[in-house]
Structures are given as C-alpha cells and as structure tokens.
Amino acid sequence: MTVAEELRDEPAEPAVLESTVAMRGRVWDIRRDVVAYGDGELIREWMVHPGAVAIVAVDDDGRVLLIQQYRHPLRHRDWEIPAGLLDIPGEDPLETAKRELAEEADLEATDWELLTSIWSSPGSNSEIVHIYLARGVTPLAEAFERTAEEADIRAEWVTVPDAVDAVMSGRMHNGILVAGILAAARRLQE
C-alpha cells in the first residue's frame, strides 16, 4: 500500500473536562468545551451542526444547476449548488437531498450518486455535508412556494467546464460548490 492509499482522517478522543452550551440557536447551538490535550487543556467554542446535503444536478446536455442567493454573514449573493440541512430526525441523507432539490430548484432526478462528504469548517463547527450527483433531472409539475432569501433565488444552468473555470479562476468561493463541482467534473470524466 502506498502512502497516498493510506491517507485518511483519523478519529481522536481527548477527554472533554467540561462542556456547556454557550448559546442556544434556532438551528444550531454554540458549545464551550474544555479539553485535555497533550500536557495541558484547550478551550474551544464551536457550533453544533445537524449536517447538510448538497446536490450537483446535471441535465442531459451536461449542464449543472447553480443557484445564487443572499447570505447575510457574507453580505453577498453567492453562487451555490442546491443544499439543505439534515433537520428531520431519522431522515436518510439521500432522501433529504431529493427533498432539497425539489424545494430549492423544483426538480427531481432519477439517478443519484454520493460524490463525497466534507466537513465544511472543522475548526469551528461539526457540520458534515454529503454531496450528491443527480442526473436524469426533470422539472416538477408544481413549483414550491419560497419565502425570505429563497424567494429571491436566481438559477442558471452552465456547462460543467464553465463551472470548473469559474471555480478555478476564483469567481465562485462557496466551499460546498467548489467541492461538488470539482468532484462531479472528475466523476463525469470517468
């Protein structure tokens, strides 16, 4: 086995000496942990996140669906791929992905494949995002009623190479989009 084949994330279980909820939120909480690490202690405040899914929807013409919406922490309308929280207890991530593609893009797909799973920001939160490739995409008979930021979603179908170019030239910065587009481009080349 080569070094490259052996590369993988490894679990670690340092002793958590103290753990409190520093803030309760509507969707996620902020915890404050005191952790025994090495010869000392670490204090870490981090977001407890339920996880999420994201979808790279590719149509029969080889185009990928990108959506743009306002994200307040960034003060930007960033380009994204359809995504949503794992916020229904016990729901399988694939079912969440199907639901989110319908809710955010009024689409359904016949062919689903897990591309990858990523930690969005492991130094600050526990979010894991499962990114799916959806093909055999067709419009739903009825559009979902959207509110707040979702009412202002802009959707564009672009070729996968154009999406990769936008990522590689630094014109799109959303980490989930970057991982999804690059993973899908690789998968579609195989």
N, C-alpha and C. Protein backbone atom coordinates (compact mmCIF):
# COMPACT_ATOMS: atom_id res chain seq x y z
N MET A 1 0.85 -1.18 0.00
CA MET A 1 0.00 0.00 0.00
C MET A 1 0.90 1.25 0.00
N THR A 2 0.55 2.23 -0.83
CA THR A 2 1.34 3.46 -0.91
C THR A 2 0.91 4.43 0.18
N VAL A 3 1.73 5.43 0.42
CA VAL A 3 1.39 6.48 1.39
C VAL A 3 0.08 7.14 0.99
N ALA A 4 -0.09 7.43 -0.31
CA ALA A 4 -1.32 8.07 -0.78
C ALA A 4 -2.54 7.21 -0.47
N GLU A 5 -2.41 5.89 -0.60
CA GLU A 5 -3.54 5.00 -0.31
C GLU A 5 -3.84 4.93 1.18
N GLU A 6 -2.86 5.25 2.01
CA GLU A 6 -3.05 5.20 3.46
C GLU A 6 -3.58 6.51 4.04
N LEU A 7 -3.59 7.60 3.26
CA LEU A 7 -4.06 8.88 3.76
C LEU A 7 -5.54 8.82 4.10
N ARG A 8 -5.87 9.16 5.34
CA ARG A 8 -7.27 9.21 5.76
C ARG A 8 -7.36 9.97 7.08
N ASP A 9 -8.53 10.55 7.31
CA ASP A 9 -8.78 11.21 8.59
C ASP A 9 -8.81 10.15 9.68
N GLU A 10 -8.37 10.52 10.88
CA GLU A 10 -8.31 9.57 11.99
C GLU A 10 -9.08 10.12 13.19
N PRO A 11 -9.92 9.29 13.79
CA PRO A 11 -10.63 9.75 14.99
C PRO A 11 -9.68 9.95 16.16
N ALA A 12 -10.03 10.88 17.02
CA ALA A 12 -9.28 11.13 18.26
C ALA A 12 -10.30 11.38 19.36
N GLU A 13 -10.00 10.95 20.54
CA GLU A 13 -10.94 11.07 21.65
C GLU A 13 -10.29 11.70 22.88
N PRO A 14 -9.85 12.96 22.79
CA PRO A 14 -9.32 13.58 24.01
C PRO A 14 -10.45 13.75 25.03
N ALA A 15 -10.08 13.73 26.29
CA ALA A 15 -11.07 13.85 27.36
C ALA A 15 -11.66 15.25 27.38
N VAL A 16 -12.99 15.33 27.35
CA VAL A 16 -13.68 16.60 27.49
C VAL A 16 -13.92 16.79 28.99
N LEU A 17 -13.25 17.77 29.57
CA LEU A 17 -13.31 18.00 31.01
C LEU A 17 -14.56 18.77 31.42
N GLU A 18 -15.03 19.63 30.51
CA GLU A 18 -16.20 20.45 30.80
C GLU A 18 -16.84 20.80 29.47
N SER A 19 -18.17 20.77 29.41
CA SER A 19 -18.88 21.13 28.19
C SER A 19 -20.17 21.84 28.56
N THR A 20 -20.35 23.05 28.05
CA THR A 20 -21.55 23.83 28.34
C THR A 20 -22.09 24.41 27.05
N VAL A 21 -23.37 24.70 27.04
CA VAL A 21 -23.97 25.40 25.91
C VAL A 21 -23.79 26.89 26.15
N ALA A 22 -22.99 27.51 25.31
CA ALA A 22 -22.73 28.95 25.45
C ALA A 22 -23.86 29.77 24.85
N MET A 23 -24.53 29.21 23.84
CA MET A 23 -25.64 29.91 23.20
C MET A 23 -26.56 28.89 22.53
N ARG A 24 -27.85 29.06 22.74
CA ARG A 24 -28.83 28.22 22.04
C ARG A 24 -29.35 29.00 20.85
N GLY A 25 -29.34 28.35 19.70
CA GLY A 25 -29.83 29.00 18.49
C GLY A 25 -31.06 28.30 17.93
N ARG A 26 -31.66 28.91 16.93
CA ARG A 26 -32.85 28.33 16.29
C ARG A 26 -32.50 27.05 15.54
N VAL A 27 -31.33 27.04 14.87
CA VAL A 27 -30.92 25.88 14.08
C VAL A 27 -29.76 25.15 14.73
N TRP A 28 -28.80 25.89 15.30
CA TRP A 28 -27.64 25.25 15.91
C TRP A 28 -27.27 25.97 17.20
N ASP A 29 -26.52 25.25 18.03
CA ASP A 29 -26.05 25.78 19.31
C ASP A 29 -24.55 26.02 19.23
N ILE A 30 -24.06 26.84 20.15
CA ILE A 30 -22.62 27.04 20.32
C ILE A 30 -22.24 26.41 21.67
N ARG A 31 -21.29 25.49 21.62
CA ARG A 31 -20.80 24.82 22.84
C ARG A 31 -19.45 25.40 23.22
N ARG A 32 -19.16 25.34 24.51
CA ARG A 32 -17.84 25.73 25.04
C ARG A 32 -17.29 24.51 25.76
N ASP A 33 -16.20 23.95 25.23
CA ASP A 33 -15.60 22.75 25.80
C ASP A 33 -14.21 23.05 26.35
N VAL A 34 -13.90 22.41 27.48
CA VAL A 34 -12.54 22.39 28.00
C VAL A 34 -12.06 20.96 27.77
N VAL A 35 -10.95 20.84 27.03
CA VAL A 35 -10.48 19.54 26.58
C VAL A 35 -9.05 19.30 27.08
N ALA A 36 -8.80 18.12 27.63
CA ALA A 36 -7.44 17.72 27.99
C ALA A 36 -6.72 17.36 26.69
N TYR A 37 -5.60 18.04 26.43
CA TYR A 37 -4.88 17.79 25.18
C TYR A 37 -3.39 17.94 25.42
N GLY A 38 -2.65 16.90 25.08
CA GLY A 38 -1.21 16.93 25.34
C GLY A 38 -0.97 17.07 26.83
N ASP A 39 -0.10 18.03 27.22
CA ASP A 39 0.21 18.26 28.63
C ASP A 39 -0.67 19.34 29.25
N GLY A 40 -1.67 19.80 28.53
CA GLY A 40 -2.47 20.90 29.06
C GLY A 40 -3.94 20.77 28.71
N GLU A 41 -4.58 21.91 28.62
CA GLU A 41 -6.00 21.98 28.31
C GLU A 41 -6.23 22.97 27.17
N LEU A 42 -7.25 22.70 26.39
CA LEU A 42 -7.69 23.60 25.33
C LEU A 42 -9.10 24.05 25.65
N ILE A 43 -9.42 25.29 25.33
CA ILE A 43 -10.79 25.77 25.43
C ILE A 43 -11.24 26.07 24.00
N ARG A 44 -12.34 25.43 23.61
CA ARG A 44 -12.85 25.59 22.26
C ARG A 44 -14.34 25.90 22.28
N GLU A 45 -14.73 26.91 21.54
CA GLU A 45 -16.14 27.22 21.32
C GLU A 45 -16.44 26.84 19.88
N TRP A 46 -17.51 26.06 19.71
CA TRP A 46 -17.78 25.53 18.38
C TRP A 46 -19.28 25.35 18.16
N MET A 47 -19.67 25.34 16.91
CA MET A 47 -21.07 25.21 16.53
C MET A 47 -21.44 23.74 16.39
N VAL A 48 -22.51 23.34 17.09
CA VAL A 48 -23.07 22.00 16.95
C VAL A 48 -24.04 22.08 15.76
N HIS A 49 -23.73 21.37 14.69
CA HIS A 49 -24.48 21.48 13.45
C HIS A 49 -25.13 20.14 13.10
N PRO A 50 -26.38 20.13 12.62
CA PRO A 50 -27.05 18.86 12.31
C PRO A 50 -26.53 18.17 11.04
N GLY A 51 -25.72 18.87 10.26
CA GLY A 51 -25.25 18.32 8.99
C GLY A 51 -26.12 18.80 7.85
N ALA A 52 -25.69 18.51 6.63
CA ALA A 52 -26.41 19.01 5.46
C ALA A 52 -26.15 18.10 4.27
N VAL A 53 -26.89 18.37 3.22
CA VAL A 53 -26.68 17.73 1.93
C VAL A 53 -26.55 18.82 0.88
N ALA A 54 -25.93 18.48 -0.24
CA ALA A 54 -25.85 19.38 -1.38
C ALA A 54 -25.95 18.54 -2.64
N ILE A 55 -26.42 19.17 -3.70
CA ILE A 55 -26.71 18.42 -4.92
C ILE A 55 -26.08 19.10 -6.13
N VAL A 56 -25.29 18.33 -6.89
CA VAL A 56 -24.82 18.77 -8.19
C VAL A 56 -25.78 18.14 -9.18
N ALA A 57 -26.73 18.94 -9.66
CA ALA A 57 -27.74 18.47 -10.61
C ALA A 57 -27.22 18.72 -12.02
N VAL A 58 -27.10 17.65 -12.81
CA VAL A 58 -26.57 17.75 -14.17
C VAL A 58 -27.67 17.28 -15.13
N ASP A 59 -27.98 18.14 -16.11
CA ASP A 59 -29.03 17.78 -17.07
C ASP A 59 -28.48 16.95 -18.23
N ASP A 60 -29.34 16.57 -19.15
CA ASP A 60 -28.94 15.71 -20.27
C ASP A 60 -28.00 16.41 -21.25
N ASP A 61 -27.90 17.75 -21.15
CA ASP A 61 -26.98 18.50 -22.00
C ASP A 61 -25.63 18.73 -21.34
N GLY A 62 -25.41 18.10 -20.18
CA GLY A 62 -24.13 18.25 -19.48
C GLY A 62 -23.99 19.58 -18.76
N ARG A 63 -25.10 20.22 -18.46
CA ARG A 63 -25.06 21.48 -17.72
C ARG A 63 -25.39 21.22 -16.25
N VAL A 64 -24.80 22.03 -15.39
CA VAL A 64 -25.02 21.92 -13.95
C VAL A 64 -25.86 23.11 -13.50
N LEU A 65 -26.75 22.85 -12.54
CA LEU A 65 -27.59 23.91 -11.99
C LEU A 65 -26.84 24.65 -10.89
N LEU A 66 -26.70 25.95 -11.05
CA LEU A 66 -26.15 26.81 -10.00
C LEU A 66 -27.26 27.73 -9.53
N ILE A 67 -27.29 27.97 -8.23
CA ILE A 67 -28.26 28.93 -7.70
C ILE A 67 -27.50 30.03 -6.97
N GLN A 68 -28.10 31.20 -6.96
CA GLN A 68 -27.48 32.33 -6.28
C GLN A 68 -28.51 32.89 -5.31
N GLN A 69 -28.06 33.10 -4.07
CA GLN A 69 -28.95 33.71 -3.09
C GLN A 69 -28.16 34.53 -2.08
N TYR A 70 -28.86 35.39 -1.39
CA TYR A 70 -28.23 36.27 -0.40
C TYR A 70 -27.83 35.47 0.83
N ARG A 71 -26.59 35.70 1.28
CA ARG A 71 -26.08 35.09 2.51
C ARG A 71 -25.61 36.22 3.41
N HIS A 72 -26.36 36.43 4.48
CA HIS A 72 -26.11 37.59 5.34
C HIS A 72 -24.71 37.65 5.95
N PRO A 73 -24.15 36.54 6.49
CA PRO A 73 -22.82 36.67 7.08
C PRO A 73 -21.76 37.16 6.08
N LEU A 74 -21.97 36.87 4.81
CA LEU A 74 -21.01 37.28 3.77
C LEU A 74 -21.33 38.65 3.19
N ARG A 75 -22.59 39.08 3.32
CA ARG A 75 -23.08 40.28 2.66
C ARG A 75 -22.88 40.14 1.14
N HIS A 76 -23.17 38.95 0.66
CA HIS A 76 -23.02 38.63 -0.77
C HIS A 76 -24.20 37.77 -1.22
N ARG A 77 -24.43 37.80 -2.51
CA ARG A 77 -25.28 36.81 -3.18
C ARG A 77 -24.28 35.84 -3.80
N ASP A 78 -24.05 34.74 -3.15
CA ASP A 78 -23.03 33.82 -3.65
C ASP A 78 -23.67 32.72 -4.50
N TRP A 79 -22.85 32.18 -5.40
CA TRP A 79 -23.28 31.05 -6.21
C TRP A 79 -23.10 29.78 -5.38
N GLU A 80 -24.10 28.91 -5.47
CA GLU A 80 -24.12 27.69 -4.69
C GLU A 80 -24.69 26.57 -5.55
N ILE A 81 -24.69 25.37 -5.00
CA ILE A 81 -25.48 24.29 -5.56
C ILE A 81 -26.63 24.07 -4.58
N PRO A 82 -27.76 23.53 -5.03
CA PRO A 82 -28.87 23.31 -4.10
C PRO A 82 -28.39 22.52 -2.88
N ALA A 83 -28.87 22.92 -1.71
CA ALA A 83 -28.41 22.30 -0.47
C ALA A 83 -29.44 22.53 0.62
N GLY A 84 -29.31 21.77 1.70
CA GLY A 84 -30.19 21.97 2.83
C GLY A 84 -29.75 21.17 4.04
N LEU A 85 -30.33 21.51 5.16
CA LEU A 85 -29.98 20.90 6.45
C LEU A 85 -30.55 19.50 6.61
N LEU A 86 -29.84 18.68 7.34
CA LEU A 86 -30.35 17.39 7.81
C LEU A 86 -31.16 17.68 9.08
N ASP A 87 -32.30 18.31 8.89
CA ASP A 87 -33.06 18.81 10.04
C ASP A 87 -34.32 18.01 10.36
N ILE A 88 -34.51 16.88 9.69
CA ILE A 88 -35.63 16.00 10.02
C ILE A 88 -35.04 14.75 10.67
N PRO A 89 -35.26 14.56 11.98
CA PRO A 89 -34.66 13.42 12.68
C PRO A 89 -34.95 12.09 11.98
N GLY A 90 -33.89 11.32 11.75
CA GLY A 90 -34.02 9.99 11.16
C GLY A 90 -34.11 9.97 9.65
N GLU A 91 -34.20 11.13 9.00
CA GLU A 91 -34.29 11.14 7.54
C GLU A 91 -32.94 10.78 6.93
N ASP A 92 -32.95 9.85 5.99
CA ASP A 92 -31.74 9.44 5.28
C ASP A 92 -31.21 10.63 4.46
N PRO A 93 -29.90 10.86 4.45
CA PRO A 93 -29.36 11.99 3.68
C PRO A 93 -29.78 12.01 2.21
N LEU A 94 -29.89 10.85 1.58
CA LEU A 94 -30.33 10.83 0.18
C LEU A 94 -31.76 11.36 0.06
N GLU A 95 -32.62 10.99 0.99
CA GLU A 95 -34.00 11.50 0.96
C GLU A 95 -34.02 13.01 1.19
N THR A 96 -33.14 13.49 2.07
CA THR A 96 -33.03 14.93 2.28
C THR A 96 -32.59 15.61 0.99
N ALA A 97 -31.62 15.02 0.29
CA ALA A 97 -31.14 15.60 -0.97
C ALA A 97 -32.27 15.68 -1.99
N LYS A 98 -33.06 14.63 -2.11
CA LYS A 98 -34.18 14.64 -3.04
C LYS A 98 -35.18 15.74 -2.68
N ARG A 99 -35.47 15.86 -1.38
CA ARG A 99 -36.41 16.89 -0.91
C ARG A 99 -35.87 18.29 -1.19
N GLU A 100 -34.58 18.49 -0.91
CA GLU A 100 -33.99 19.81 -1.11
C GLU A 100 -33.92 20.20 -2.59
N LEU A 101 -33.64 19.25 -3.47
CA LEU A 101 -33.62 19.56 -4.90
C LEU A 101 -35.01 20.00 -5.35
N ALA A 102 -36.03 19.35 -4.84
CA ALA A 102 -37.41 19.74 -5.16
C ALA A 102 -37.74 21.11 -4.59
N GLU A 103 -37.39 21.33 -3.32
CA GLU A 103 -37.75 22.58 -2.66
C GLU A 103 -36.99 23.79 -3.20
N GLU A 104 -35.71 23.63 -3.51
CA GLU A 104 -34.91 24.77 -3.94
C GLU A 104 -34.91 24.98 -5.44
N ALA A 105 -35.15 23.92 -6.21
CA ALA A 105 -34.99 24.05 -7.66
C ALA A 105 -36.18 23.53 -8.46
N ASP A 106 -37.22 23.03 -7.78
CA ASP A 106 -38.39 22.48 -8.47
C ASP A 106 -38.00 21.38 -9.45
N LEU A 107 -37.05 20.53 -9.02
CA LEU A 107 -36.56 19.45 -9.87
C LEU A 107 -36.61 18.12 -9.13
N GLU A 108 -36.66 17.05 -9.92
CA GLU A 108 -36.46 15.71 -9.41
C GLU A 108 -35.46 15.02 -10.33
N ALA A 109 -34.88 13.93 -9.84
CA ALA A 109 -33.87 13.22 -10.63
C ALA A 109 -34.09 11.72 -10.48
N THR A 110 -33.70 10.97 -11.52
CA THR A 110 -33.86 9.52 -11.49
C THR A 110 -32.59 8.80 -11.05
N ASP A 111 -31.43 9.45 -11.18
CA ASP A 111 -30.15 8.80 -10.91
C ASP A 111 -29.38 9.61 -9.86
N TRP A 112 -29.10 8.98 -8.72
CA TRP A 112 -28.42 9.64 -7.60
C TRP A 112 -27.16 8.88 -7.24
N GLU A 113 -26.10 9.63 -6.95
CA GLU A 113 -24.83 9.02 -6.54
C GLU A 113 -24.15 9.93 -5.52
N LEU A 114 -23.69 9.36 -4.42
CA LEU A 114 -22.92 10.13 -3.45
C LEU A 114 -21.54 10.39 -4.03
N LEU A 115 -21.20 11.68 -4.19
CA LEU A 115 -19.88 12.05 -4.70
C LEU A 115 -18.84 12.07 -3.60
N THR A 116 -19.14 12.74 -2.50
CA THR A 116 -18.20 12.88 -1.40
C THR A 116 -18.93 13.45 -0.19
N SER A 117 -18.29 13.40 0.95
CA SER A 117 -18.78 14.06 2.16
C SER A 117 -17.64 14.90 2.69
N ILE A 118 -17.96 16.14 3.07
CA ILE A 118 -16.91 17.06 3.54
C ILE A 118 -17.32 17.69 4.87
N TRP A 119 -16.31 18.01 5.67
CA TRP A 119 -16.54 18.87 6.83
C TRP A 119 -16.39 20.29 6.33
N SER A 120 -17.39 21.12 6.56
CA SER A 120 -17.37 22.47 5.98
C SER A 120 -16.33 23.38 6.62
N SER A 121 -16.15 23.29 7.92
CA SER A 121 -15.18 24.14 8.62
C SER A 121 -14.83 23.48 9.94
N PRO A 122 -13.98 22.43 9.91
CA PRO A 122 -13.77 21.60 11.09
C PRO A 122 -13.14 22.30 12.30
N GLY A 123 -12.61 23.48 12.12
CA GLY A 123 -12.07 24.20 13.27
C GLY A 123 -13.13 24.96 14.03
N SER A 124 -14.34 25.09 13.45
CA SER A 124 -15.35 25.89 14.12
C SER A 124 -16.72 25.23 14.24
N ASN A 125 -16.96 24.13 13.51
CA ASN A 125 -18.28 23.51 13.63
C ASN A 125 -18.21 22.02 13.29
N SER A 126 -19.29 21.32 13.61
CA SER A 126 -19.35 19.87 13.38
C SER A 126 -20.11 19.50 12.11
N GLU A 127 -20.37 20.47 11.24
CA GLU A 127 -21.15 20.20 10.03
C GLU A 127 -20.44 19.25 9.08
N ILE A 128 -21.16 18.21 8.68
CA ILE A 128 -20.72 17.34 7.59
C ILE A 128 -21.74 17.54 6.47
N VAL A 129 -21.23 17.66 5.25
CA VAL A 129 -22.10 17.87 4.09
C VAL A 129 -21.90 16.70 3.13
N HIS A 130 -22.99 16.01 2.84
CA HIS A 130 -22.97 14.90 1.89
C HIS A 130 -23.35 15.47 0.52
N ILE A 131 -22.46 15.36 -0.45
CA ILE A 131 -22.68 15.96 -1.76
C ILE A 131 -23.03 14.86 -2.76
N TYR A 132 -24.17 15.02 -3.40
CA TYR A 132 -24.69 14.04 -4.34
C TYR A 132 -24.64 14.57 -5.77
N LEU A 133 -24.46 13.65 -6.71
CA LEU A 133 -24.61 13.92 -8.13
C LEU A 133 -26.00 13.42 -8.51
N ALA A 134 -26.80 14.30 -9.11
CA ALA A 134 -28.16 13.94 -9.54
C ALA A 134 -28.23 14.08 -11.06
N ARG A 135 -28.64 12.99 -11.71
CA ARG A 135 -28.82 13.01 -13.17
C ARG A 135 -30.22 12.51 -13.51
N GLY A 136 -30.58 12.64 -14.76
CA GLY A 136 -31.95 12.32 -15.14
C GLY A 136 -32.89 13.35 -14.54
N VAL A 137 -32.50 14.61 -14.64
CA VAL A 137 -33.19 15.72 -13.97
C VAL A 137 -34.37 16.19 -14.82
N THR A 138 -35.53 16.32 -14.18
CA THR A 138 -36.72 16.85 -14.85
C THR A 138 -37.44 17.81 -13.91
N PRO A 139 -38.18 18.77 -14.49
CA PRO A 139 -38.93 19.72 -13.65
C PRO A 139 -40.12 19.05 -12.97
N LEU A 140 -40.44 19.53 -11.78
CA LEU A 140 -41.64 19.07 -11.08
C LEU A 140 -42.87 19.70 -11.72
N ALA A 141 -44.01 19.09 -11.53
CA ALA A 141 -45.26 19.62 -12.09
C ALA A 141 -45.64 20.96 -11.45
N GLU A 142 -45.33 21.12 -10.17
CA GLU A 142 -45.66 22.36 -9.46
C GLU A 142 -44.43 22.94 -8.79
N ALA A 143 -44.33 24.26 -8.78
CA ALA A 143 -43.22 24.94 -8.12
C ALA A 143 -43.52 25.10 -6.63
N PHE A 144 -42.45 25.05 -5.84
CA PHE A 144 -42.58 25.28 -4.40
C PHE A 144 -42.74 26.77 -4.13
N GLU A 145 -43.49 27.10 -3.10
CA GLU A 145 -43.61 28.49 -2.68
C GLU A 145 -42.43 28.80 -1.77
N ARG A 146 -41.66 29.82 -2.12
CA ARG A 146 -40.46 30.16 -1.37
C ARG A 146 -40.65 31.49 -0.64
N THR A 147 -39.97 31.59 0.53
CA THR A 147 -40.03 32.82 1.32
C THR A 147 -38.61 33.25 1.67
N ALA A 148 -38.50 34.45 2.24
CA ALA A 148 -37.22 35.01 2.70
C ALA A 148 -36.18 34.96 1.58
N GLU A 149 -34.94 34.54 1.90
CA GLU A 149 -33.87 34.53 0.90
C GLU A 149 -34.19 33.61 -0.26
N GLU A 150 -34.91 32.51 0.02
CA GLU A 150 -35.20 31.54 -1.03
C GLU A 150 -36.16 32.10 -2.08
N ALA A 151 -36.95 33.12 -1.72
CA ALA A 151 -37.86 33.73 -2.69
C ALA A 151 -37.09 34.50 -3.76
N ASP A 152 -35.84 34.80 -3.47
CA ASP A 152 -35.01 35.62 -4.36
C ASP A 152 -33.91 34.79 -5.04
N ILE A 153 -34.07 33.46 -5.09
CA ILE A 153 -33.06 32.60 -5.71
C ILE A 153 -33.01 32.85 -7.21
N ARG A 154 -31.80 33.00 -7.72
CA ARG A 154 -31.55 33.08 -9.16
C ARG A 154 -30.95 31.73 -9.56
N ALA A 155 -31.45 31.13 -10.63
CA ALA A 155 -30.94 29.83 -11.08
C ALA A 155 -30.35 29.98 -12.48
N GLU A 156 -29.22 29.31 -12.70
CA GLU A 156 -28.57 29.30 -14.01
C GLU A 156 -28.05 27.90 -14.31
N TRP A 157 -28.24 27.43 -15.52
CA TRP A 157 -27.66 26.18 -15.99
C TRP A 157 -26.41 26.53 -16.78
N VAL A 158 -25.26 26.01 -16.38
CA VAL A 158 -24.00 26.26 -17.08
C VAL A 158 -23.29 24.94 -17.33
N THR A 159 -22.43 24.91 -18.32
CA THR A 159 -21.71 23.66 -18.59
C THR A 159 -20.78 23.37 -17.42
N VAL A 160 -20.50 22.11 -17.23
CA VAL A 160 -19.58 21.72 -16.15
C VAL A 160 -18.21 22.38 -16.36
N PRO A 161 -17.63 22.36 -17.58
CA PRO A 161 -16.34 23.05 -17.76
C PRO A 161 -16.40 24.54 -17.41
N ASP A 162 -17.51 25.22 -17.73
CA ASP A 162 -17.63 26.64 -17.37
C ASP A 162 -17.69 26.82 -15.85
N ALA A 163 -18.37 25.91 -15.17
CA ALA A 163 -18.43 25.98 -13.70
C ALA A 163 -17.04 25.73 -13.12
N VAL A 164 -16.32 24.75 -13.65
CA VAL A 164 -14.95 24.48 -13.18
C VAL A 164 -14.08 25.71 -13.41
N ASP A 165 -14.20 26.34 -14.58
CA ASP A 165 -13.42 27.55 -14.87
C ASP A 165 -13.73 28.67 -13.87
N ALA A 166 -15.00 28.83 -13.53
CA ALA A 166 -15.38 29.88 -12.57
C ALA A 166 -14.78 29.60 -11.19
N VAL A 167 -14.75 28.32 -10.80
CA VAL A 167 -14.13 27.93 -9.53
C VAL A 167 -12.63 28.20 -9.57
N MET A 168 -11.97 27.70 -10.61
CA MET A 168 -10.50 27.78 -10.68
C MET A 168 -9.99 29.19 -10.89
N SER A 169 -10.82 30.07 -11.45
CA SER A 169 -10.40 31.46 -11.64
C SER A 169 -10.74 32.32 -10.43
N GLY A 170 -11.37 31.72 -9.42
CA GLY A 170 -11.67 32.47 -8.19
C GLY A 170 -12.91 33.33 -8.28
N ARG A 171 -13.80 33.07 -9.22
CA ARG A 171 -15.02 33.87 -9.35
C ARG A 171 -16.15 33.34 -8.48
N MET A 172 -16.04 32.08 -8.02
CA MET A 172 -17.03 31.50 -7.12
C MET A 172 -16.28 30.92 -5.92
N HIS A 173 -16.75 31.23 -4.70
CA HIS A 173 -16.00 30.92 -3.48
C HIS A 173 -16.68 29.95 -2.53
N ASN A 174 -17.92 29.60 -2.76
CA ASN A 174 -18.64 28.74 -1.83
C ASN A 174 -17.95 27.38 -1.77
N GLY A 175 -17.49 26.98 -0.59
CA GLY A 175 -16.71 25.76 -0.44
C GLY A 175 -17.46 24.50 -0.84
N ILE A 176 -18.75 24.45 -0.55
CA ILE A 176 -19.54 23.27 -0.91
C ILE A 176 -19.69 23.20 -2.42
N LEU A 177 -19.92 24.34 -3.06
CA LEU A 177 -19.98 24.38 -4.52
C LEU A 177 -18.65 23.93 -5.11
N VAL A 178 -17.54 24.46 -4.59
CA VAL A 178 -16.21 24.11 -5.11
C VAL A 178 -16.00 22.60 -5.04
N ALA A 179 -16.24 22.02 -3.87
CA ALA A 179 -16.05 20.57 -3.71
C ALA A 179 -16.98 19.79 -4.63
N GLY A 180 -18.23 20.21 -4.72
CA GLY A 180 -19.20 19.50 -5.53
C GLY A 180 -18.89 19.57 -7.02
N ILE A 181 -18.56 20.77 -7.50
CA ILE A 181 -18.27 20.93 -8.94
C ILE A 181 -17.02 20.14 -9.33
N LEU A 182 -15.97 20.24 -8.53
CA LEU A 182 -14.74 19.52 -8.87
C LEU A 182 -14.93 18.01 -8.77
N ALA A 183 -15.66 17.54 -7.77
CA ALA A 183 -15.92 16.11 -7.65
C ALA A 183 -16.78 15.62 -8.80
N ALA A 184 -17.80 16.39 -9.17
CA ALA A 184 -18.66 15.99 -10.28
C ALA A 184 -17.91 15.99 -11.60
N ALA A 185 -17.07 16.99 -11.82
CA ALA A 185 -16.28 17.04 -13.06
C ALA A 185 -15.41 15.79 -13.17
N ARG A 186 -14.80 15.42 -12.08
CA ARG A 186 -13.96 14.22 -12.08
C ARG A 186 -14.79 12.97 -12.37
N ARG A 187 -15.94 12.84 -11.69
CA ARG A 187 -16.79 11.67 -11.87
C ARG A 187 -17.31 11.59 -13.31
N LEU A 188 -17.69 12.73 -13.86
CA LEU A 188 -18.25 12.73 -15.22
C LEU A 188 -17.20 12.43 -16.28
N GLN A 189 -15.92 12.64 -15.96
CA GLN A 189 -14.83 12.31 -16.88
C GLN A 189 -14.56 10.80 -16.91
N GLU A 190 -14.88 10.12 -15.83
CA GLU A 190 -14.56 8.68 -15.70
C GLU A 190 -15.41 7.82 -16.63
